[in-house]
PDB file of N, CA and C in Angstrom:
ATOM      1  N   MET A   1     118.787  85.439-104.092  1.00  0.00           N
ATOM      2  CA  MET A   1     118.280  86.822-103.919  1.00  0.00           C
ATOM      3  C   MET A   1     116.959  86.577-104.795  1.00  0.00           C
ATOM      4  N   THR A   2     115.741  87.421-104.111  1.00  0.00           N
ATOM      5  CA  THR A   2     114.740  87.264-104.059  1.00  0.00           C
ATOM      6  C   THR A   2     114.243  88.524-105.251  1.00  0.00           C
ATOM      7  N   ILE A   3     113.555  87.893-106.405  1.00  0.00           N
ATOM      8  CA  ILE A   3     112.559  89.321-107.097  1.00  0.00           C
ATOM      9  C   ILE A   3     111.320  89.720-107.106  1.00  0.00           C
ATOM     10  N   ASP A   4     110.906  90.747-106.423  1.00  0.00           N
ATOM     11  CA  ASP A   4     110.049  91.036-105.845  1.00  0.00           C
ATOM     12  C   ASP A   4     108.860  91.257-107.209  1.00  0.00           C
ATOM     13  N   THR A   5     107.473  90.907-107.063  1.00  0.00           N
ATOM     14  CA  THR A   5     106.932  90.938-108.363  1.00  0.00           C
ATOM     15  C   THR A   5     105.894  91.809-108.425  1.00  0.00           C
ATOM     16  N   ARG A   6     105.768  92.059-106.810  1.00  0.00           N
ATOM     17  CA  ARG A   6     104.265  92.877-107.063  1.00  0.00           C
ATOM     18  C   ARG A   6     104.435  94.153-107.561  1.00  0.00           C
ATOM     19  N   LEU A   7     103.341  94.399-108.592  1.00  0.00           N
ATOM     20  CA  LEU A   7     103.415  95.998-109.158  1.00  0.00           C
ATOM     21  C   LEU A   7     103.012  96.955-108.086  1.00  0.00           C
ATOM     22  N   ARG A   8     103.625  97.977-108.368  1.00  0.00           N
ATOM     23  CA  ARG A   8     103.228  99.093-107.755  1.00  0.00           C
ATOM     24  C   ARG A   8     103.545 100.504-108.648  1.00  0.00           C
ATOM     25  N   PRO A   9     103.029 101.816-107.756  1.00  0.00           N
ATOM     26  CA  PRO A   9     103.449 102.791-108.551  1.00  0.00           C
ATOM     27  C   PRO A   9     104.988 103.322-109.447  1.00  0.00           C
ATOM     28  N   LEU A  10     105.118 103.766-110.216  1.00  0.00           N
ATOM     29  CA  LEU A  10     106.328 104.135-110.354  1.00  0.00           C
ATOM     30  C   LEU A  10     106.916 105.124-109.707  1.00  0.00           C
ATOM     31  N   ARG A  11     107.631 105.668-109.154  1.00  0.00           N
ATOM     32  CA  ARG A  11     107.842 106.693-108.759  1.00  0.00           C
ATOM     33  C   ARG A  11     109.771 107.492-108.889  1.00  0.00           C
ATOM     34  N   THR A  12     110.506 106.785-109.608  1.00  0.00           N
ATOM     35  CA  THR A  12     111.823 107.134-109.706  1.00  0.00           C
ATOM     36  C   THR A  12     111.851 106.876-110.703  1.00  0.00           C
ATOM     37  N   ASP A  13     113.230 107.150-111.797  1.00  0.00           N
ATOM     38  CA  ASP A  13     113.555 106.985-112.758  1.00  0.00           C
ATOM     39  C   ASP A  13     114.327 105.029-112.921  1.00  0.00           C
ATOM     40  N   ALA A  14     114.244 105.131-111.832  1.00  0.00           N
ATOM     41  CA  ALA A  14     114.882 103.617-111.492  1.00  0.00           C
ATOM     42  C   ALA A  14     114.069 102.710-111.634  1.00  0.00           C
ATOM     43  N   ASP A  15     112.846 103.076-110.933  1.00  0.00           N
ATOM     44  CA  ASP A  15     111.853 102.212-111.069  1.00  0.00           C
ATOM     45  C   ASP A  15     111.150 102.230-112.257  1.00  0.00           C
ATOM     46  N   PHE A  16     111.197 103.480-113.223  1.00  0.00           N
ATOM     47  CA  PHE A  16     110.870 103.521-114.600  1.00  0.00           C
ATOM     48  C   PHE A  16     111.710 102.233-115.463  1.00  0.00           C
ATOM     49  N   GLU A  17     112.702 102.467-115.157  1.00  0.00           N
ATOM     50  CA  GLU A  17     113.957 101.605-116.283  1.00  0.00           C
ATOM     51  C   GLU A  17     113.644  99.976-115.613  1.00  0.00           C
ATOM     52  N   THR A  18     113.640  99.838-114.316  1.00  0.00           N
ATOM     53  CA  THR A  18     113.430  98.491-114.600  1.00  0.00           C
ATOM     54  C   THR A  18     111.806  97.960-114.870  1.00  0.00           C
ATOM     55  N   ALA A  19     110.935  98.466-114.798  1.00  0.00           N
ATOM     56  CA  ALA A  19     109.645  98.238-115.466  1.00  0.00           C
ATOM     57  C   ALA A  19     110.248  98.118-116.622  1.00  0.00           C
ATOM     58  N   LEU A  20     110.647  99.326-117.285  1.00  0.00           N
ATOM     59  CA  LEU A  20     110.482  99.116-119.175  1.00  0.00           C
ATOM     60  C   LEU A  20     111.240  97.822-119.166  1.00  0.00           C
ATOM     61  N   ALA A  21     112.319  97.415-118.616  1.00  0.00           N
ATOM     62  CA  ALA A  21     113.269  96.661-119.204  1.00  0.00           C
ATOM     63  C   ALA A  21     112.425  94.981-118.831  1.00  0.00           C
ATOM     64  N   GLU A  22     111.331  94.711-118.024  1.00  0.00           N
ATOM     65  CA  GLU A  22     110.921  93.542-117.809  1.00  0.00           C
ATOM     66  C   GLU A  22     109.402  94.057-119.011  1.00  0.00           C
ATOM     67  N   TYR A  23     109.206  95.011-119.427  1.00  0.00           N
ATOM     68  CA  TYR A  23     107.932  95.556-120.419  1.00  0.00           C
ATOM     69  C   TYR A  23     108.597  94.567-121.894  1.00  0.00           C
ATOM     70  N   GLU A  24     110.352  95.126-121.929  1.00  0.00           N
ATOM     71  CA  GLU A  24     110.375  94.881-123.408  1.00  0.00           C
ATOM     72  C   GLU A  24     111.160  93.495-123.762  1.00  0.00           C
ATOM     73  N   HIS A  25     111.164  92.745-122.349  1.00  0.00           N
ATOM     74  CA  HIS A  25     111.160  91.404-122.024  1.00  0.00           C
ATOM     75  C   HIS A  25     110.074  90.571-122.991  1.00  0.00           C
ATOM     76  N   TYR A  26     109.063  91.052-123.155  1.00  0.00           N
ATOM     77  CA  TYR A  26     107.743  90.372-123.335  1.00  0.00           C
ATOM     78  C   TYR A  26     107.936  90.598-125.077  1.00  0.00           C
ATOM     79  N   PHE A  27     108.153  92.107-125.459  1.00  0.00           N
ATOM     80  CA  PHE A  27     108.375  92.016-127.047  1.00  0.00           C
ATOM     81  C   PHE A  27     109.139  90.377-127.640  1.00  0.00           C
ATOM     82  N   GLY A  28     109.516  90.306-127.533  1.00  0.00           N
ATOM     83  CA  GLY A  28     109.861  89.039-128.231  1.00  0.00           C
ATOM     84  C   GLY A  28     109.023  87.877-128.203  1.00  0.00           C
ATOM     85  N   ARG A  29     108.477  87.879-127.385  1.00  0.00           N
ATOM     86  CA  ARG A  29     106.776  86.630-126.639  1.00  0.00           C
ATOM     87  C   ARG A  29     106.226  87.295-125.705  1.00  0.00           C
ATOM     88  N   GLU A  30     105.381  87.866-126.890  1.00  0.00           N
ATOM     89  CA  GLU A  30     103.943  88.357-126.294  1.00  0.00           C
ATOM     90  C   GLU A  30     103.130  87.144-125.530  1.00  0.00           C
ATOM     91  N   PRO A  31     102.962  87.557-124.216  1.00  0.00           N
ATOM     92  CA  PRO A  31     102.013  86.594-123.473  1.00  0.00           C
ATOM     93  C   PRO A  31     100.788  86.552-124.315  1.00  0.00           C
ATOM     94  N   GLU A  32     100.236  84.649-123.811  1.00  0.00           N
ATOM     95  CA  GLU A  32      98.712  84.741-124.117  1.00  0.00           C
ATOM     96  C   GLU A  32      97.747  85.541-123.549  1.00  0.00           C
ATOM     97  N   PRO A  33      96.901  86.101-124.065  1.00  0.00           N
ATOM     98  CA  PRO A  33      95.917  87.075-123.954  1.00  0.00           C
ATOM     99  C   PRO A  33      94.914  85.643-122.898  1.00  0.00           C
ATOM    100  N   GLY A  34      94.950  86.487-122.070  1.00  0.00           N
ATOM    101  CA  GLY A  34      93.661  85.893-120.667  1.00  0.00           C
ATOM    102  C   GLY A  34      94.602  85.390-119.986  1.00  0.00           C
ATOM    103  N   THR A  35      96.191  85.510-119.537  1.00  0.00           N
ATOM    104  CA  THR A  35      96.765  84.648-118.642  1.00  0.00           C
ATOM    105  C   THR A  35      97.300  85.635-117.857  1.00  0.00           C
ATOM    106  N   GLU A  36      97.911  85.624-116.260  1.00  0.00           N
ATOM    107  CA  GLU A  36      98.639  86.231-115.559  1.00  0.00           C
ATOM    108  C   GLU A  36      99.614  86.746-116.121  1.00  0.00           C
ATOM    109  N   GLU A  37     100.361  86.546-116.803  1.00  0.00           N
ATOM    110  CA  GLU A  37     101.302  86.843-117.608  1.00  0.00           C
ATOM    111  C   GLU A  37     100.975  88.276-118.526  1.00  0.00           C
ATOM    112  N   ALA A  38      99.730  88.001-119.259  1.00  0.00           N
ATOM    113  CA  ALA A  38      99.083  89.245-120.179  1.00  0.00           C
ATOM    114  C   ALA A  38      98.749  89.833-119.510  1.00  0.00           C
ATOM    115  N   ASP A  39      98.489  90.279-118.348  1.00  0.00           N
ATOM    116  CA  ASP A  39      97.963  91.172-117.510  1.00  0.00           C
ATOM    117  C   ASP A  39      98.872  92.107-116.713  1.00  0.00           C
ATOM    118  N   ARG A  40     100.099  90.844-116.599  1.00  0.00           N
ATOM    119  CA  ARG A  40     101.534  91.821-115.916  1.00  0.00           C
ATOM    120  C   ARG A  40     101.813  92.999-117.242  1.00  0.00           C
ATOM    121  N   PHE A  41     101.587  92.259-118.330  1.00  0.00           N
ATOM    122  CA  PHE A  41     102.194  93.219-119.284  1.00  0.00           C
ATOM    123  C   PHE A  41     101.679  94.470-119.653  1.00  0.00           C
ATOM    124  N   GLU A  42      99.918  93.990-119.948  1.00  0.00           N
ATOM    125  CA  GLU A  42      99.690  95.527-119.629  1.00  0.00           C
ATOM    126  C   GLU A  42      99.551  96.310-118.651  1.00  0.00           C
ATOM    127  N   LEU A  43      99.232  95.839-117.475  1.00  0.00           N
ATOM    128  CA  LEU A  43      99.814  96.501-116.631  1.00  0.00           C
ATOM    129  C   LEU A  43     100.917  97.487-116.261  1.00  0.00           C
ATOM    130  N   LEU A  44     101.885  96.404-116.473  1.00  0.00           N
ATOM    131  CA  LEU A  44     102.790  97.612-116.902  1.00  0.00           C
ATOM    132  C   LEU A  44     103.380  98.529-118.018  1.00  0.00           C
ATOM    133  N   GLY A  45     102.410  98.367-119.041  1.00  0.00           N
ATOM    134  CA  GLY A  45     102.342  99.496-120.052  1.00  0.00           C
ATOM    135  C   GLY A  45     101.823 100.321-119.588  1.00  0.00           C
ATOM    136  N   VAL A  46     100.786 100.215-119.042  1.00  0.00           N
ATOM    137  CA  VAL A  46      99.961 101.578-117.816  1.00  0.00           C
ATOM    138  C   VAL A  46     101.107 101.920-117.427  1.00  0.00           C
ATOM    139  N   LEU A  47     101.235 101.560-116.340  1.00  0.00           N
ATOM    140  CA  LEU A  47     102.401 101.981-115.115  1.00  0.00           C
ATOM    141  C   LEU A  47     103.151 102.639-116.184  1.00  0.00           C
ATOM    142  N   LEU A  48     104.182 102.612-117.244  1.00  0.00           N
ATOM    143  CA  LEU A  48     105.116 103.097-117.694  1.00  0.00           C
ATOM    144  C   LEU A  48     104.623 104.366-118.680  1.00  0.00           C
ATOM    145  N   ALA A  49     103.345 103.998-119.265  1.00  0.00           N
ATOM    146  CA  ALA A  49     102.921 105.635-120.111  1.00  0.00           C
ATOM    147  C   ALA A  49     102.387 106.252-118.845  1.00  0.00           C
ATOM    148  N   ARG A  50     101.470 106.081-117.492  1.00  0.00           N
ATOM    149  CA  ARG A  50     101.138 106.912-116.848  1.00  0.00           C
ATOM    150  C   ARG A  50     102.777 107.640-116.396  1.00  0.00           C
ATOM    151  N   TYR A  51     103.651 106.902-116.228  1.00  0.00           N
ATOM    152  CA  TYR A  51     105.221 107.605-115.648  1.00  0.00           C
ATOM    153  C   TYR A  51     105.852 108.901-116.507  1.00  0.00           C
ATOM    154  N   GLU A  52     105.534 108.225-117.858  1.00  0.00           N
ATOM    155  CA  GLU A  52     106.042 109.192-118.808  1.00  0.00           C
ATOM    156  C   GLU A  52     104.794 110.473-119.543  1.00  0.00           C
ATOM    157  N   GLU A  53     103.535 109.937-118.994  1.00  0.00           N
ATOM    158  CA  GLU A  53     103.007 111.383-119.213  1.00  0.00           C
ATOM    159  C   GLU A  53     103.179 112.373-118.019  1.00  0.00           C
ATOM    160  N   GLU A  54     103.604 111.990-116.467  1.00  0.00           N
ATOM    161  CA  GLU A  54     103.981 112.787-115.869  1.00  0.00           C
ATOM    162  C   GLU A  54     105.449 113.377-115.431  1.00  0.00           C
ATOM    163  N   HIS A  55     106.225 112.631-116.249  1.00  0.00           N
ATOM    164  CA  HIS A  55     107.142 113.208-115.716  1.00  0.00           C
ATOM    165  C   HIS A  55     108.519 114.029-117.162  1.00  0.00           C
ATOM    166  N   TYR A  56     108.143 113.170-118.244  1.00  0.00           N
ATOM    167  CA  TYR A  56     108.203 113.333-119.621  1.00  0.00           C
ATOM    168  C   TYR A  56     107.027 113.828-120.804  1.00  0.00           C
ATOM    169  N   PRO A  57     106.285 114.931-120.045  1.00  0.00           N
ATOM    170  CA  PRO A  57     105.334 115.295-120.888  1.00  0.00           C
ATOM    171  C   PRO A  57     105.853 115.683-122.555  1.00  0.00           C
ATOM    172  N   ILE A  58     104.603 115.398-123.926  1.00  0.00           N
ATOM    173  CA  ILE A  58     105.098 116.302-124.976  1.00  0.00           C
ATOM    174  C   ILE A  58     103.729 117.357-125.193  1.00  0.00           C
ATOM    175  N   GLU A  59     104.536 118.345-125.172  1.00  0.00           N
ATOM    176  CA  GLU A  59     103.795 119.510-125.610  1.00  0.00           C
ATOM    177  C   GLU A  59     103.539 119.329-127.374  1.00  0.00           C
ATOM    178  N   PRO A  60     102.213 119.705-127.446  1.00  0.00           N
ATOM    179  CA  PRO A  60     101.628 119.687-128.346  1.00  0.00           C
ATOM    180  C   PRO A  60     102.275 120.663-129.186  1.00  0.00           C
ATOM    181  N   GLU A  61     102.831 120.480-130.596  1.00  0.00           N
ATOM    182  CA  GLU A  61     103.274 121.232-131.650  1.00  0.00           C
ATOM    183  C   GLU A  61     102.284 122.700-131.812  1.00  0.00           C
ATOM    184  N   ASP A  62     103.053 123.541-131.741  1.00  0.00           N
ATOM    185  CA  ASP A  62     102.507 124.921-132.067  1.00  0.00           C
ATOM    186  C   ASP A  62     102.205 124.830-133.751  1.00  0.00           C
ATOM    187  N   PRO A  63     100.812 125.250-133.921  1.00  0.00           N
ATOM    188  CA  PRO A  63     100.490 125.280-135.275  1.00  0.00           C
ATOM    189  C   PRO A  63     100.772 125.883-136.307  1.00  0.00           C
ATOM    190  N   VAL A  64     101.322 127.415-136.101  1.00  0.00           N
ATOM    191  CA  VAL A  64     102.433 127.742-136.845  1.00  0.00           C
ATOM    192  C   VAL A  64     103.317 127.469-137.452  1.00  0.00           C
ATOM    193  N   ASP A  65     104.518 127.035-136.194  1.00  0.00           N
ATOM    194  CA  ASP A  65     105.542 126.076-136.103  1.00  0.00           C
ATOM    195  C   ASP A  65     105.210 125.285-136.625  1.00  0.00           C
ATOM    196  N   ALA A  66     104.393 124.237-137.089  1.00  0.00           N
ATOM    197  CA  ALA A  66     104.267 122.871-137.957  1.00  0.00           C
ATOM    198  C   ALA A  66     103.528 123.792-139.616  1.00  0.00           C
ATOM    199  N   LEU A  67     102.575 124.390-139.689  1.00  0.00           N
ATOM    200  CA  LEU A  67     102.474 125.020-141.011  1.00  0.00           C
ATOM    201  C   LEU A  67     104.232 125.635-141.319  1.00  0.00           C
ATOM    202  N   THR A  68     104.940 126.445-141.079  1.00  0.00           N
ATOM    203  CA  THR A  68     106.118 126.615-140.981  1.00  0.00           C
ATOM    204  C   THR A  68     106.949 125.497-141.311  1.00  0.00           C
ATOM    205  N   HIS A  69     107.005 124.398-140.823  1.00  0.00           N
ATOM    206  CA  HIS A  69     107.914 123.382-141.092  1.00  0.00           C
ATOM    207  C   HIS A  69     107.280 122.562-142.145  1.00  0.00           C
ATOM    208  N   VAL A  70     105.601 122.296-142.764  1.00  0.00           N
ATOM    209  CA  VAL A  70     105.350 121.827-143.628  1.00  0.00           C
ATOM    210  C   VAL A  70     105.765 122.811-144.929  1.00  0.00           C
ATOM    211  N   MET A  71     105.694 124.072-144.912  1.00  0.00           N
ATOM    212  CA  MET A  71     105.849 124.728-145.972  1.00  0.00           C
ATOM    213  C   MET A  71     107.163 124.781-146.248  1.00  0.00           C
ATOM    214  N   GLU A  72     108.428 124.805-145.631  1.00  0.00           N
ATOM    215  CA  GLU A  72     109.725 124.638-145.566  1.00  0.00           C
ATOM    216  C   GLU A  72     109.664 123.284-146.493  1.00  0.00           C
ATOM    217  N   THR A  73     109.263 122.062-145.874  1.00  0.00           N
ATOM    218  CA  THR A  73     109.301 121.248-146.211  1.00  0.00           C
ATOM    219  C   THR A  73     108.896 120.504-147.830  1.00  0.00           C
ATOM    220  N   LYS A  74     107.825 121.180-148.519  1.00  0.00           N
ATOM    221  CA  LYS A  74     107.287 121.141-149.476  1.00  0.00           C
ATOM    222  C   LYS A  74     107.688 122.203-150.642  1.00  0.00           C
ATOM    223  N   GLY A  75     108.440 123.435-149.554  1.00  0.00           N
ATOM    224  CA  GLY A  75     109.022 124.083-150.949  1.00  0.00           C
ATOM    225  C   GLY A  75     107.755 125.228-151.174  1.00  0.00           C
ATOM    226  N   LYS A  76     107.018 125.753-150.264  1.00  0.00           N
ATOM    227  CA  LYS A  76     105.924 126.312-150.442  1.00  0.00           C
ATOM    228  C   LYS A  76     106.082 127.646-149.232  1.00  0.00           C
ATOM    229  N   SER A  77     105.912 128.610-150.161  1.00  0.00           N
ATOM    230  CA  SER A  77     105.998 130.010-149.562  1.00  0.00           C
ATOM    231  C   SER A  77     104.923 130.875-148.609  1.00  0.00           C
ATOM    232  N   GLN A  78     105.195 132.462-148.415  1.00  0.00           N
ATOM    233  CA  GLN A  78     104.627 132.849-148.587  1.00  0.00           C
ATOM    234  C   GLN A  78     103.482 133.341-149.299  1.00  0.00           C
ATOM    235  N   ALA A  79     103.823 133.279-150.117  1.00  0.00           N
ATOM    236  CA  ALA A  79     102.628 133.664-151.504  1.00  0.00           C
ATOM    237  C   ALA A  79     101.904 132.642-151.395  1.00  0.00           C
ATOM    238  N   ASP A  80     102.503 131.405-151.409  1.00  0.00           N
ATOM    239  CA  ASP A  80     101.465 130.299-151.697  1.00  0.00           C
ATOM    240  C   ASP A  80     100.545 129.787-150.741  1.00  0.00           C
ATOM    241  N   LEU A  81     100.935 130.666-149.514  1.00  0.00           N
ATOM    242  CA  LEU A  81      99.935 130.223-148.877  1.00  0.00           C
ATOM    243  C   LEU A  81      99.071 131.159-148.640  1.00  0.00           C
ATOM    244  N   ALA A  82      99.307 132.322-149.178  1.00  0.00           N
ATOM    245  CA  ALA A  82      98.307 133.836-149.127  1.00  0.00           C
ATOM    246  C   ALA A  82      97.479 133.196-150.488  1.00  0.00           C
ATOM    247  N   ALA A  83      98.010 132.245-151.475  1.00  0.00           N
ATOM    248  CA  ALA A  83      97.381 132.118-152.958  1.00  0.00           C
ATOM    249  C   ALA A  83      96.010 131.335-152.261  1.00  0.00           C
ATOM    250  N   LEU A  84      96.650 130.503-151.590  1.00  0.00           N
ATOM    251  CA  LEU A  84      95.547 129.293-150.293  1.00  0.00           C
ATOM    252  C   LEU A  84      94.532 130.378-149.831  1.00  0.00           C
ATOM    253  N   ILE A  85      95.123 131.054-148.961  1.00  0.00           N
ATOM    254  CA  ILE A  85      94.215 131.385-147.953  1.00  0.00           C
ATOM    255  C   ILE A  85      93.745 132.821-147.862  1.00  0.00           C
ATOM    256  N   GLY A  86      94.344 133.564-148.771  1.00  0.00           N
ATOM    257  CA  GLY A  86      94.210 134.938-148.622  1.00  0.00           C
ATOM    258  C   GLY A  86      95.702 135.880-148.122  1.00  0.00           C
ATOM    259  N   ALA A  87      95.825 136.703-148.655  1.00  0.00           N
ATOM    260  CA  ALA A  87      97.026 137.473-148.458  1.00  0.00           C
ATOM    261  C   ALA A  87      97.229 138.092-147.139  1.00  0.00           C
ATOM    262  N   PRO A  88      96.281 138.911-146.778  1.00  0.00           N
ATOM    263  CA  PRO A  88      96.046 139.482-145.172  1.00  0.00           C
ATOM    264  C   PRO A  88      96.332 138.155-144.209  1.00  0.00           C
ATOM    265  N   ARG A  89      95.899 137.349-144.349  1.00  0.00           N
ATOM    266  CA  ARG A  89      95.685 136.113-143.432  1.00  0.00           C
ATOM    267  C   ARG A  89      96.654 135.428-143.510  1.00  0.00           C
ATOM    268  N   ALA A  90      97.477 135.086-144.691  1.00  0.00           N
ATOM    269  CA  ALA A  90      98.129 134.552-144.364  1.00  0.00           C
ATOM    270  C   ALA A  90      99.618 135.026-143.355  1.00  0.00           C
ATOM    271  N   SER A  91      99.359 136.293-144.055  1.00  0.00           N
ATOM    272  CA  SER A  91     100.624 137.180-143.241  1.00  0.00           C
ATOM    273  C   SER A  91     100.360 137.293-141.639  1.00  0.00           C
ATOM    274  N   GLU A  92      98.994 137.400-141.052  1.00  0.00           N
ATOM    275  CA  GLU A  92      98.708 137.805-139.929  1.00  0.00           C
ATOM    276  C   GLU A  92      99.207 136.414-139.334  1.00  0.00           C
ATOM    277  N   ILE A  93      98.571 135.209-139.762  1.00  0.00           N
ATOM    278  CA  ILE A  93      99.114 133.777-139.185  1.00  0.00           C
ATOM    279  C   ILE A  93     100.697 133.732-139.024  1.00  0.00           C
ATOM    280  N   LEU A  94     101.281 133.854-139.872  1.00  0.00           N
ATOM    281  CA  LEU A  94     102.556 133.441-139.713  1.00  0.00           C
ATOM    282  C   LEU A  94     103.220 134.590-138.644  1.00  0.00           C
ATOM    283  N   ALA A  95     102.476 135.769-138.688  1.00  0.00           N
ATOM    284  CA  ALA A  95     102.634 136.657-137.714  1.00  0.00           C
ATOM    285  C   ALA A  95     102.408 136.585-136.222  1.00  0.00           C
ATOM    286  N   ARG A  96     101.739 135.584-136.276  1.00  0.00           N
ATOM    287  CA  ARG A  96     101.141 134.904-134.795  1.00  0.00           C
ATOM    288  C   ARG A  96     100.516 136.393-134.517  1.00  0.00           C
ATOM    289  N   LYS A  97      99.327 136.858-135.102  1.00  0.00           N
ATOM    290  CA  LYS A  97      98.571 138.034-134.860  1.00  0.00           C
ATOM    291  C   LYS A  97      97.303 137.443-134.932  1.00  0.00           C
ATOM    292  N   ARG A  98      96.751 136.017-135.816  1.00  0.00           N
ATOM    293  CA  ARG A  98      95.869 135.813-135.932  1.00  0.00           C
ATOM    294  C   ARG A  98      95.745 134.037-136.073  1.00  0.00           C
ATOM    295  N   ARG A  99      95.145 133.370-135.688  1.00  0.00           N
ATOM    296  CA  ARG A  99      94.920 131.771-135.846  1.00  0.00           C
ATOM    297  C   ARG A  99      94.249 131.450-136.608  1.00  0.00           C
ATOM    298  N   LEU A 100      94.631 130.222-137.206  1.00  0.00           N
ATOM    299  CA  LEU A 100      94.071 129.544-138.041  1.00  0.00           C
ATOM    300  C   LEU A 100      92.601 129.196-138.221  1.00  0.00           C
ATOM    301  N   SER A 101      91.888 129.553-138.860  1.00  0.00           N
ATOM    302  CA  SER A 101      90.517 129.298-138.748  1.00  0.00           C
ATOM    303  C   SER A 101      90.203 127.672-139.194  1.00  0.00           C
ATOM    304  N   LEU A 102      89.023 127.470-139.433  1.00  0.00           N
ATOM    305  CA  LEU A 102      88.697 125.954-139.238  1.00  0.00           C
ATOM    306  C   LEU A 102      88.733 125.427-141.073  1.00  0.00           C
ATOM    307  N   ASP A 103      88.065 126.625-141.782  1.00  0.00           N
ATOM    308  CA  ASP A 103      88.401 126.847-143.218  1.00  0.00           C
ATOM    309  C   ASP A 103      89.706 127.117-143.763  1.00  0.00           C
ATOM    310  N   HIS A 104      90.543 127.682-142.813  1.00  0.00           N
ATOM    311  CA  HIS A 104      91.738 127.714-143.620  1.00  0.00           C
ATOM    312  C   HIS A 104      92.718 126.205-143.070  1.00  0.00           C
ATOM    313  N   VAL A 105      92.370 125.340-141.940  1.00  0.00           N
ATOM    314  CA  VAL A 105      92.943 124.446-141.957  1.00  0.00           C
ATOM    315  C   VAL A 105      92.130 123.132-142.829  1.00  0.00           C
ATOM    316  N   ARG A 106      90.881 123.247-143.435  1.00  0.00           N
ATOM    317  CA  ARG A 106      90.412 122.714-144.378  1.00  0.00           C
ATOM    318  C   ARG A 106      91.437 122.795-145.728  1.00  0.00           C
ATOM    319  N   LYS A 107      91.318 123.853-146.070  1.00  0.00           N
ATOM    320  CA  LYS A 107      91.855 124.531-147.200  1.00  0.00           C
ATOM    321  C   LYS A 107      93.593 123.796-147.254  1.00  0.00           C
ATOM    322  N   ILE A 108      94.173 124.125-146.523  1.00  0.00           N
ATOM    323  CA  ILE A 108      95.768 124.043-145.778  1.00  0.00           C
ATOM    324  C   ILE A 108      95.668 121.739-146.173  1.00  0.00           C
ATOM    325  N   ARG A 109      94.763 121.237-145.770  1.00  0.00           N
ATOM    326  CA  ARG A 109      94.594 119.663-145.262  1.00  0.00           C
ATOM    327  C   ARG A 109      94.265 119.725-146.947  1.00  0.00           C
ATOM    328  N   ALA A 110      93.440 120.086-147.260  1.00  0.00           N
ATOM    329  CA  ALA A 110      93.244 119.480-149.224  1.00  0.00           C
ATOM    330  C   ALA A 110      93.980 119.674-150.054  1.00  0.00           C
ATOM    331  N   GLU A 111      94.718 120.880-150.127  1.00  0.00           N
ATOM    332  CA  GLU A 111      95.819 121.123-150.895  1.00  0.00           C
ATOM    333  C   GLU A 111      97.177 120.686-150.798  1.00  0.00           C
ATOM    334  N   TRP A 112      97.284 120.658-149.364  1.00  0.00           N
ATOM    335  CA  TRP A 112      98.701 120.416-148.956  1.00  0.00           C
ATOM    336  C   TRP A 112      99.017 119.139-148.630  1.00  0.00           C
ATOM    337  N   GLY A 113      97.823 118.162-148.330  1.00  0.00           N
ATOM    338  CA  GLY A 113      97.857 116.999-147.541  1.00  0.00           C
ATOM    339  C   GLY A 113      98.418 117.362-145.841  1.00  0.00           C
ATOM    340  N   VAL A 114      98.136 118.095-145.379  1.00  0.00           N
ATOM    341  CA  VAL A 114      98.232 118.557-143.881  1.00  0.00           C
ATOM    342  C   VAL A 114      97.508 117.946-143.294  1.00  0.00           C
ATOM    343  N   PRO A 115      97.915 116.815-142.021  1.00  0.00           N
ATOM    344  CA  PRO A 115      96.897 116.760-141.012  1.00  0.00           C
ATOM    345  C   PRO A 115      96.070 117.571-140.771  1.00  0.00           C
ATOM    346  N   ALA A 116      94.750 117.504-140.215  1.00  0.00           N
ATOM    347  CA  ALA A 116      94.337 118.735-139.652  1.00  0.00           C
ATOM    348  C   ALA A 116      94.465 119.075-138.255  1.00  0.00           C
ATOM    349  N   ASP A 117      94.620 117.861-137.544  1.00  0.00           N
ATOM    350  CA  ASP A 117      95.561 117.875-135.859  1.00  0.00           C
ATOM    351  C   ASP A 117      96.241 118.473-135.769  1.00  0.00           C
ATOM    352  N   VAL A 118      97.485 118.830-136.851  1.00  0.00           N
ATOM    353  CA  VAL A 118      98.797 119.339-136.911  1.00  0.00           C
ATOM    354  C   VAL A 118      98.389 121.045-136.461  1.00  0.00           C
ATOM    355  N   LEU A 119      97.279 121.283-137.183  1.00  0.00           N
ATOM    356  CA  LEU A 119      97.162 122.415-137.613  1.00  0.00           C
ATOM    357  C   LEU A 119      96.145 123.504-136.603  1.00  0.00           C
ATOM    358  N   ILE A 120      95.445 122.458-135.635  1.00  0.00           N
ATOM    359  CA  ILE A 120      94.770 123.235-134.275  1.00  0.00           C
ATOM    360  C   ILE A 120      95.181 123.197-133.036  1.00  0.00           C
TER     361      ILE A 120
END
């Protein structure tokens, strides 16, 4: 049995699984930089990432959902949010009638330690 070693675009889930198995093979012994094997490892990674982006995109989390999750996790209430950014704004934001402003994001990040990129 001959194994085809040419790299080509991944078009099916079977192609993806085959490439992933080979890529994972390198985890235990990452190839020496500058070698053909290292180039193959890097190219496999690019092909796998591209396939995943095209076939299994990860949607960015909704800022209000992220804020609500943070509030639940940290034991914060709508009143806590209102104290931080103002009562009318907190209500409007949680009701999705208004977006978080950059000032709101900064305050929430500073006070509650929430990364800004989650809220934007």
